[in-house]
């Protein structure tokens, strides 16, 4: 990594935006660079992992990957969601390979070790010379329980922190609470099909996680050129003929977003006929957001809808994402709003496909040595500039 983030590169990143350069292309193509990001960003702080509603009942469990690190998320008998490192200490195999429902314990697939849903070892059949293996004394003082990691929730999102001494999540999430405090997050429910199944949009993109972030939440200028829906709107590009923007850059710590007036929303997207999510109906929210809570939770926040994306780096040139929409619980699964949910879902699928095509093109172009890095527009790229500096700070702290 030090061969990529040289002193010269760091100086160029930290220069005023008029002269600054982006991260070099190798920061998007190097496995060594991604390994540093795994260690210092994805294993060193709070990261979005999953949607809480996808673990609805005690005994539900699912294996997950976070930047290549295997984790196991479950809901225990006391209705507590827990996350563990998905590895059995004895044989080094995953403790859970496939999603499961109705578990009362975890039975490891390789050698049958049994764990409670709190991660405590219950038995090692045959391992110590007895059939049931409930006598754990042959283990001595060897560590044998599953290793639990810190968890926290914000709205419908489950966060984890793999650090040994994690900072309180409330310190990191304060910018979210400030910006989105007007929304009744407790009223949210995931959009569901007619059969009651959560509607999810998993993606597998041939692009770097940073490129996905840059495009989704902090790049405004691309809208009119990439997205069909914007080409039909008088609000795009988001600047009037007199040069005045119809949005503002909103930056508060790890939360960066395009913020706009909700009154302008119908001019771009049309009306969305869902119940509003205002915490106080007498004081409705005035702004909406397109943004990112770094490093990997992306938002589309409207007065009656949250569109959320959790991104996950798999390799330097591959990122998977999990998308879902969240509505007021009265509208998330009711027949009354089924057609509207489907219409919006298709719109987000179309926009995601358009974004995916572009971010994969950026990743492919970064194989070229012709331009080792890029530059910024001081009119449009303030958040991109700040994000690049954030990455540098995380990797050099």
Protein backbone atom coordinates (compact mmCIF):
# COMPACT_ATOMS: atom_id res chain seq x y z
CA UNK A 1 0.00 0.00 0.00
CA UNK A 2 2.87 2.38 0.77
CA UNK A 3 3.98 2.01 -2.84
CA UNK A 4 0.61 3.45 -3.89
CA UNK A 5 0.01 6.08 -1.20
CA UNK A 6 3.40 7.72 -1.57
CA UNK A 7 4.16 11.11 -0.04
CA UNK A 8 3.72 12.68 -3.46
CA UNK A 9 0.31 11.07 -3.91
CA UNK A 10 -0.83 12.10 -0.42
CA UNK A 11 0.25 15.68 -1.07
CA UNK A 12 -1.74 15.74 -4.32
CA UNK A 13 -4.84 14.35 -2.57
CA UNK A 14 -4.64 16.97 0.17
CA UNK A 15 -4.08 19.92 -2.18
CA UNK A 16 -6.87 22.48 -2.68
CA UNK A 17 -9.62 21.06 -4.87
CA UNK A 18 -8.54 23.19 -7.82
CA UNK A 19 -5.20 21.35 -7.99
CA UNK A 20 -6.00 18.10 -6.16
CA UNK A 21 -5.91 14.62 -7.66
CA UNK A 22 -8.04 11.59 -6.87
CA UNK A 23 -6.72 8.33 -5.48
CA UNK A 24 -4.42 6.72 -8.06
CA UNK A 25 -5.86 4.05 -10.29
CA UNK A 26 -3.93 1.31 -8.47
CA UNK A 27 -5.99 2.07 -5.35
CA UNK A 28 -8.88 0.57 -7.33
CA UNK A 29 -7.05 -2.40 -8.84
CA UNK A 30 -4.54 -3.58 -6.22
CA UNK A 31 -5.25 -6.56 -3.95
CA UNK A 32 -2.72 -5.23 -1.44
CA UNK A 33 -4.61 -1.94 -1.27
CA UNK A 34 -7.91 -3.74 -0.70
CA UNK A 35 -6.29 -5.82 2.05
CA UNK A 36 -5.33 -2.59 3.81
CA UNK A 37 -8.91 -1.36 3.43
CA UNK A 38 -10.21 -4.63 4.89
CA UNK A 39 -7.99 -4.24 7.91
CA UNK A 40 -8.32 -0.52 8.60
CA UNK A 41 -11.81 0.33 7.32
CA UNK A 42 -14.00 -2.77 7.20
CA UNK A 43 -12.50 -4.55 10.21
CA UNK A 44 -11.58 -1.39 12.09
CA UNK A 45 -14.86 0.45 12.51
CA UNK A 46 -18.64 0.30 12.29
CA UNK A 47 -19.86 -1.15 9.00
CA UNK A 48 -23.35 -1.92 7.66
CA UNK A 49 -23.90 -5.68 7.36
CA UNK A 50 -27.55 -6.66 6.85
CA UNK A 51 -31.20 -5.66 7.14
CA UNK A 52 -32.77 -6.59 10.47
CA UNK A 53 -36.07 -7.74 8.95
CA UNK A 54 -34.25 -10.52 7.12
CA UNK A 55 -33.78 -12.23 10.51
CA UNK A 56 -37.40 -12.04 11.66
CA UNK A 57 -37.75 -15.00 14.06
CA UNK A 58 -35.74 -16.64 16.86
CA UNK A 59 -33.66 -19.41 15.37
CA UNK A 60 -33.15 -17.62 12.03
CA UNK A 61 -29.49 -17.62 10.99
CA UNK A 62 -27.54 -16.65 7.90
CA UNK A 63 -23.86 -16.81 6.86
CA UNK A 64 -22.58 -13.49 5.52
CA UNK A 65 -19.36 -12.08 4.11
CA UNK A 66 -17.99 -8.66 4.97
CA UNK A 67 -15.15 -7.68 2.65
CA UNK A 68 -14.21 -11.35 2.41
CA UNK A 69 -14.46 -11.99 6.16
CA UNK A 70 -16.97 -14.78 7.01
CA UNK A 71 -19.59 -13.86 9.61
CA UNK A 72 -22.67 -15.57 11.03
CA UNK A 73 -25.75 -13.51 11.96
CA UNK A 74 -28.65 -14.99 13.93
CA UNK A 75 -31.56 -14.18 16.19
CA UNK A 76 -31.37 -16.12 19.47
CA UNK A 77 -34.19 -17.50 21.63
CA UNK A 78 -34.38 -14.23 23.56
CA UNK A 79 -34.99 -12.34 20.30
CA UNK A 80 -31.49 -10.79 20.37
CA UNK A 81 -29.64 -10.47 17.06
CA UNK A 82 -26.04 -11.59 17.39
CA UNK A 83 -23.12 -11.79 14.96
CA UNK A 84 -20.14 -14.12 15.24
CA UNK A 85 -17.00 -14.82 13.29
CA UNK A 86 -18.12 -17.80 11.22
CA UNK A 87 -15.33 -20.22 12.09
CA UNK A 88 -15.07 -23.23 14.38
CA UNK A 89 -11.89 -23.01 16.50
CA UNK A 90 -11.07 -26.73 16.20
CA UNK A 91 -11.37 -27.50 12.49
CA UNK A 92 -11.27 -24.04 10.93
CA UNK A 93 -14.47 -24.66 8.95
CA UNK A 94 -17.52 -22.44 8.77
CA UNK A 95 -19.90 -22.98 11.68
CA UNK A 96 -22.85 -22.41 9.32
CA UNK A 97 -22.75 -22.90 5.56
CA UNK A 98 -26.37 -22.33 4.53
CA UNK A 99 -29.15 -20.04 5.82
CA UNK A 100 -31.40 -21.73 8.37
CA UNK A 101 -34.66 -21.19 10.22
CA UNK A 102 -35.95 -22.47 13.55
CA UNK A 103 -32.58 -23.41 15.02
CA UNK A 104 -32.26 -24.12 18.73
CA UNK A 105 -28.51 -24.68 18.39
CA UNK A 106 -25.77 -24.59 15.75
CA UNK A 107 -24.38 -27.93 14.64
CA UNK A 108 -21.06 -27.35 12.87
CA UNK A 109 -20.98 -29.18 9.51
CA UNK A 110 -17.45 -30.62 9.55
CA UNK A 111 -17.09 -32.39 12.91
CA UNK A 112 -20.48 -31.88 14.51
CA UNK A 113 -19.53 -29.52 17.33
CA UNK A 114 -22.66 -28.02 18.84
CA UNK A 115 -23.09 -24.41 19.89
CA UNK A 116 -25.86 -22.48 21.60
CA UNK A 117 -27.31 -19.48 19.79
CA UNK A 118 -25.22 -17.35 22.15
CA UNK A 119 -22.07 -18.94 20.70
CA UNK A 120 -21.23 -21.14 23.69
CA UNK A 121 -19.82 -24.59 22.99
CA UNK A 122 -22.26 -27.30 24.15
CA UNK A 123 -20.70 -30.53 22.95
CA UNK A 124 -17.88 -32.07 20.92
CA UNK A 125 -19.31 -35.48 19.87
CA UNK A 126 -16.63 -38.21 19.84
CA UNK A 127 -13.81 -35.62 19.89
CA UNK A 128 -12.84 -36.29 23.51
CA UNK A 129 -13.61 -40.00 23.43
CA UNK A 130 -17.28 -39.93 24.44
CA UNK A 131 -20.28 -40.23 22.16
CA UNK A 132 -22.26 -37.17 23.26
CA UNK A 133 -19.20 -34.98 23.91
CA UNK A 134 -20.90 -32.88 26.59
CA UNK A 135 -17.88 -33.33 28.87
CA UNK A 136 -15.74 -30.43 27.70
CA UNK A 137 -12.86 -31.05 30.14
CA UNK A 138 -10.61 -32.68 27.49
CA UNK A 139 -10.39 -29.24 25.86
CA UNK A 140 -8.54 -27.83 28.84
CA UNK A 141 -8.16 -24.08 28.51
CA UNK A 142 -8.29 -24.02 24.72
CA UNK A 143 -10.64 -21.28 23.43
CA UNK A 144 -13.59 -23.10 21.86
CA UNK A 145 -16.60 -20.75 21.82
CA UNK A 146 -17.60 -18.83 18.74
CA UNK A 147 -16.19 -15.31 18.77
CA UNK A 148 -18.92 -12.69 18.94
CA UNK A 149 -18.51 -9.24 17.42
CA UNK A 150 -20.06 -5.94 18.47
CA UNK A 151 -23.40 -5.09 16.90
CA UNK A 152 -25.64 -2.04 16.72
CA UNK A 153 -28.75 -1.04 14.82
CA UNK A 154 -29.84 2.13 13.09
CA UNK A 155 -33.37 2.02 11.78
CA UNK A 156 -33.66 -1.20 9.74
CA UNK A 157 -29.88 -1.72 9.39
CA UNK A 158 -27.63 -4.06 11.37
CA UNK A 159 -24.10 -2.74 11.90
CA UNK A 160 -21.03 -4.62 13.15
CA UNK A 161 -17.64 -3.61 14.44
CA UNK A 162 -14.88 -6.22 14.36
CA UNK A 163 -12.40 -4.17 16.39
CA UNK A 164 -11.37 -5.49 19.78
CA UNK A 165 -12.34 -2.24 21.52
CA UNK A 166 -14.99 -0.55 19.34
CA UNK A 167 -16.01 3.03 19.80
CA UNK A 168 -19.65 3.54 20.83
CA UNK A 169 -21.87 3.39 17.76
CA UNK A 170 -23.79 6.44 18.97
CA UNK A 171 -20.70 8.59 18.45
CA UNK A 172 -20.49 7.57 14.79
CA UNK A 173 -24.22 7.62 14.06
CA UNK A 174 -24.86 11.11 15.47
CA UNK A 175 -24.72 12.70 11.97
CA UNK A 176 -27.44 10.31 10.79
CA UNK A 177 -29.59 11.19 13.78
CA UNK A 178 -29.09 14.89 13.08
CA UNK A 179 -29.90 14.71 9.38
CA UNK A 180 -32.69 12.14 9.53
CA UNK A 181 -34.13 12.85 12.94
CA UNK A 182 -37.40 13.98 11.38
CA UNK A 183 -38.17 10.47 10.08
CA UNK A 184 -40.02 7.93 12.20
CA UNK A 185 -37.60 5.06 11.68
CA UNK A 186 -39.62 2.85 13.98
CA UNK A 187 -42.48 2.94 11.48
CA UNK A 188 -40.36 1.53 8.65
CA UNK A 189 -40.97 -1.89 7.14
CA UNK A 190 -39.27 -3.57 4.20
CA UNK A 191 -41.18 -3.69 0.91
CA UNK A 192 -42.76 -7.10 0.36
CA UNK A 193 -44.26 -9.03 -2.53
CA UNK A 194 -47.85 -10.28 -2.65
CA UNK A 195 -46.66 -13.51 -1.00
CA UNK A 196 -45.05 -11.59 1.87
CA UNK A 197 -41.46 -12.14 0.76
CA UNK A 198 -39.06 -9.20 1.21
CA UNK A 199 -38.24 -7.62 -2.14
CA UNK A 200 -34.46 -7.48 -2.49
CA UNK A 201 -32.18 -6.52 -5.35
CA UNK A 202 -28.79 -8.21 -5.00
CA UNK A 203 -26.16 -7.02 -7.47
CA UNK A 204 -22.77 -8.34 -8.46
CA UNK A 205 -20.81 -5.52 -10.08
CA UNK A 206 -17.44 -5.63 -11.82
CA UNK A 207 -16.24 -2.51 -10.06
CA UNK A 208 -14.39 -1.33 -6.97
CA UNK A 209 -16.41 -0.48 -3.85
CA UNK A 210 -15.08 3.09 -3.84
CA UNK A 211 -16.24 3.65 -7.41
CA UNK A 212 -19.70 2.42 -6.47
CA UNK A 213 -19.74 4.83 -3.52
CA UNK A 214 -18.49 7.77 -5.55
CA UNK A 215 -21.18 7.27 -8.16
CA UNK A 216 -24.14 6.55 -5.89
CA UNK A 217 -24.11 9.06 -3.13
CA UNK A 218 -21.74 11.90 -3.94
CA UNK A 219 -21.71 12.36 -7.71
CA UNK A 220 -24.36 14.79 -8.94
CA UNK A 221 -23.12 15.69 -12.41
CA UNK A 222 -23.64 12.24 -13.94
CA UNK A 223 -27.42 12.21 -13.47
CA UNK A 224 -28.43 13.93 -16.70
CA UNK A 225 -26.10 11.78 -18.80
CA UNK A 226 -26.57 8.33 -17.26
CA UNK A 227 -30.19 8.10 -16.08
CA UNK A 228 -33.22 8.07 -18.32
CA UNK A 229 -35.56 9.40 -15.64
CA UNK A 230 -33.46 12.53 -15.19
CA UNK A 231 -33.39 13.21 -18.90
CA UNK A 232 -37.15 13.70 -18.68
CA UNK A 233 -36.96 16.20 -15.84
CA UNK A 234 -36.61 20.00 -15.93
CA UNK A 235 -34.68 19.76 -12.64
CA UNK A 236 -31.56 18.19 -14.18
CA UNK A 237 -28.81 19.15 -14.22
CA UNK A 238 -29.47 20.43 -10.69
CA UNK A 239 -28.62 24.00 -11.57
CA UNK A 240 -30.88 26.74 -12.84
CA UNK A 241 -30.03 28.87 -15.86
CA UNK A 242 -28.82 31.60 -13.51
CA UNK A 243 -26.22 29.18 -12.11
CA UNK A 244 -27.97 28.65 -8.76
CA UNK A 245 -28.02 25.02 -7.61
CA UNK A 246 -31.24 23.24 -6.74
CA UNK A 247 -29.37 21.10 -4.20
CA UNK A 248 -26.62 21.47 -1.63
CA UNK A 249 -23.66 19.38 -0.53
CA UNK A 250 -24.38 18.04 2.94
CA UNK A 251 -21.32 16.78 4.80
CA UNK A 252 -21.29 15.83 8.48
CA UNK A 253 -18.47 13.49 9.45
CA UNK A 254 -19.02 10.11 7.75
CA UNK A 255 -22.38 11.16 6.26
CA UNK A 256 -22.18 12.82 2.84
CA UNK A 257 -25.22 13.57 0.74
CA UNK A 258 -26.89 15.58 -1.95
CA UNK A 259 -29.63 17.42 -0.04
CA UNK A 260 -32.63 18.90 -1.83
CA UNK A 261 -35.99 20.42 -0.97
CA UNK A 262 -38.79 17.90 -0.94
CA UNK A 263 -40.98 20.47 -2.63
CA UNK A 264 -38.77 20.03 -5.71
CA UNK A 265 -39.06 16.24 -5.65
CA UNK A 266 -42.16 15.83 -7.88
CA UNK A 267 -40.50 17.88 -10.64
CA UNK A 268 -37.84 15.19 -10.95
CA UNK A 269 -39.59 11.96 -10.02
CA UNK A 270 -43.32 12.57 -10.00
CA UNK A 271 -45.56 11.94 -7.03
CA UNK A 272 -44.99 8.92 -4.77
CA UNK A 273 -48.35 7.91 -3.25
CA UNK A 274 -47.28 6.47 0.11
CA UNK A 275 -47.93 7.51 3.72
CA UNK A 276 -45.34 9.95 4.99
CA UNK A 277 -42.73 8.97 7.55
CA UNK A 278 -42.63 12.19 9.56
CA UNK A 279 -41.93 11.73 13.25
CA UNK A 280 -44.07 14.79 13.89
CA UNK A 281 -46.79 15.17 11.23
CA UNK A 282 -47.31 18.77 12.29
CA UNK A 283 -43.70 19.49 11.27
CA UNK A 284 -43.04 17.52 8.08
CA UNK A 285 -39.49 17.08 6.85
CA UNK A 286 -38.35 19.70 4.34
CA UNK A 287 -35.36 17.95 2.78
CA UNK A 288 -34.53 14.67 1.11
CA UNK A 289 -31.12 13.08 0.61
CA UNK A 290 -29.08 10.99 -1.76
CA UNK A 291 -25.99 10.03 0.13
CA UNK A 292 -23.61 7.66 1.84
CA UNK A 293 -22.86 6.82 5.44
CA UNK A 294 -19.31 5.67 5.06
CA UNK A 295 -18.03 3.26 4.25
CA UNK A 296 -20.85 1.17 2.78
CA UNK A 297 -24.43 2.26 3.50
CA UNK A 298 -26.05 4.27 0.71
CA UNK A 299 -29.29 6.22 1.00
CA UNK A 300 -32.14 7.56 -1.03
CA UNK A 301 -34.23 9.33 1.62
CA UNK A 302 -37.62 10.77 0.73
CA UNK A 303 -40.58 11.90 2.79
CA UNK A 304 -42.32 8.55 2.44
CA UNK A 305 -39.58 6.11 1.38
CA UNK A 306 -36.06 4.99 2.25
CA UNK A 307 -34.07 3.25 -0.47
CA UNK A 308 -31.05 1.59 1.18
CA UNK A 309 -28.03 -0.16 -0.30
CA UNK A 310 -25.39 -2.14 1.61
CA UNK A 311 -22.24 -2.58 -0.46
CA UNK A 312 -19.59 -5.22 0.12
CA UNK A 313 -16.12 -5.33 -1.50
CA UNK A 314 -15.27 -8.81 -2.73
CA UNK A 315 -12.11 -8.06 -4.70
CA UNK A 316 -10.48 -4.93 -6.12
CA UNK A 317 -12.68 -5.26 -9.20
CA UNK A 318 -15.84 -6.74 -7.73
CA UNK A 319 -18.50 -5.37 -5.39
CA UNK A 320 -21.77 -6.96 -4.32
CA UNK A 321 -24.70 -4.93 -3.07
CA UNK A 322 -28.00 -5.61 -1.33
CA UNK A 323 -30.79 -3.11 -2.09
CA UNK A 324 -34.22 -2.74 -0.51
CA UNK A 325 -36.95 -0.16 -0.14
CA UNK A 326 -38.58 0.68 3.19
CA UNK A 327 -42.03 2.25 3.55
CA UNK A 328 -44.40 3.03 6.38
CA UNK A 329 -45.47 -0.31 7.84
CA UNK A 330 -49.04 0.36 6.71
CA UNK A 331 -47.91 0.43 3.07
CA UNK A 332 -44.96 -1.98 2.90
CA UNK A 333 -47.00 -5.09 2.22
CA UNK A 334 -50.62 -4.01 1.75
CA UNK A 335 -52.46 -4.74 -1.49
CA UNK A 336 -53.47 -1.08 -1.69
CA UNK A 337 -49.91 -0.03 -2.49
CA UNK A 338 -48.73 -3.13 -4.36
CA UNK A 339 -48.83 -1.54 -7.81
CA UNK A 340 -47.01 1.58 -6.62
CA UNK A 341 -44.33 -0.52 -4.90
CA UNK A 342 -43.78 -2.48 -8.09
CA UNK A 343 -43.58 0.69 -10.19
CA UNK A 344 -40.96 2.24 -7.90
CA UNK A 345 -39.04 -1.02 -7.67
CA UNK A 346 -38.70 -1.18 -11.43
CA UNK A 347 -37.49 2.41 -11.48
CA UNK A 348 -34.76 1.64 -8.98
CA UNK A 349 -33.80 -1.50 -10.92
CA UNK A 350 -33.46 0.57 -14.08
CA UNK A 351 -31.39 3.25 -12.34
CA UNK A 352 -29.21 0.59 -10.72
CA UNK A 353 -28.57 -1.01 -14.09
CA UNK A 354 -27.58 2.35 -15.56
CA UNK A 355 -25.25 3.05 -12.63
CA UNK A 356 -23.77 -0.45 -12.83
CA UNK A 357 -22.94 -0.05 -16.50
CA UNK A 358 -21.08 3.19 -15.80
CA UNK A 359 -19.20 2.06 -12.69
CA UNK A 360 -18.05 -1.09 -14.50
CA UNK A 361 -16.85 1.14 -17.35
CA UNK A 362 -14.88 3.25 -14.87
CA UNK A 363 -13.30 0.13 -13.40
CA UNK A 364 -12.31 -1.13 -16.83
CA UNK A 365 -10.86 2.25 -17.79
CA UNK A 366 -8.67 2.21 -14.68
CA UNK A 367 -6.63 -0.57 -16.22
CA UNK A 368 -5.22 2.07 -18.57
CA UNK A 369 -1.87 3.65 -17.60
CA UNK A 370 -2.64 6.79 -19.64
CA UNK A 371 -4.02 8.71 -16.64
CA UNK A 372 -2.71 7.54 -13.23
CA UNK A 373 -5.40 9.58 -11.44
CA UNK A 374 -8.18 12.08 -12.15
CA UNK A 375 -9.00 15.66 -11.20
CA UNK A 376 -12.08 17.42 -9.81
CA UNK A 377 -14.65 19.99 -10.76
CA UNK A 378 -14.79 22.50 -7.94
CA UNK A 379 -18.43 23.15 -8.91
CA UNK A 380 -19.61 19.54 -8.56
CA UNK A 381 -17.04 17.31 -6.87
CA UNK A 382 -16.67 18.65 -3.34
CA UNK A 383 -17.97 15.44 -1.76
CA UNK A 384 -15.82 13.23 -3.99
CA UNK A 385 -12.84 15.35 -2.92
CA UNK A 386 -13.77 14.94 0.76
CA UNK A 387 -14.31 11.19 0.37
CA UNK A 388 -10.84 10.73 -1.13
CA UNK A 389 -9.35 12.55 1.83
CA UNK A 390 -11.40 10.38 4.20
CA UNK A 391 -9.98 7.20 2.63
CA UNK A 392 -6.46 8.58 2.93
CA UNK A 393 -7.04 9.44 6.60
CA UNK A 394 -8.42 5.97 7.39
CA UNK A 395 -5.48 4.21 5.80
CA UNK A 396 -2.75 6.37 7.29
CA UNK A 397 -4.03 6.86 10.85
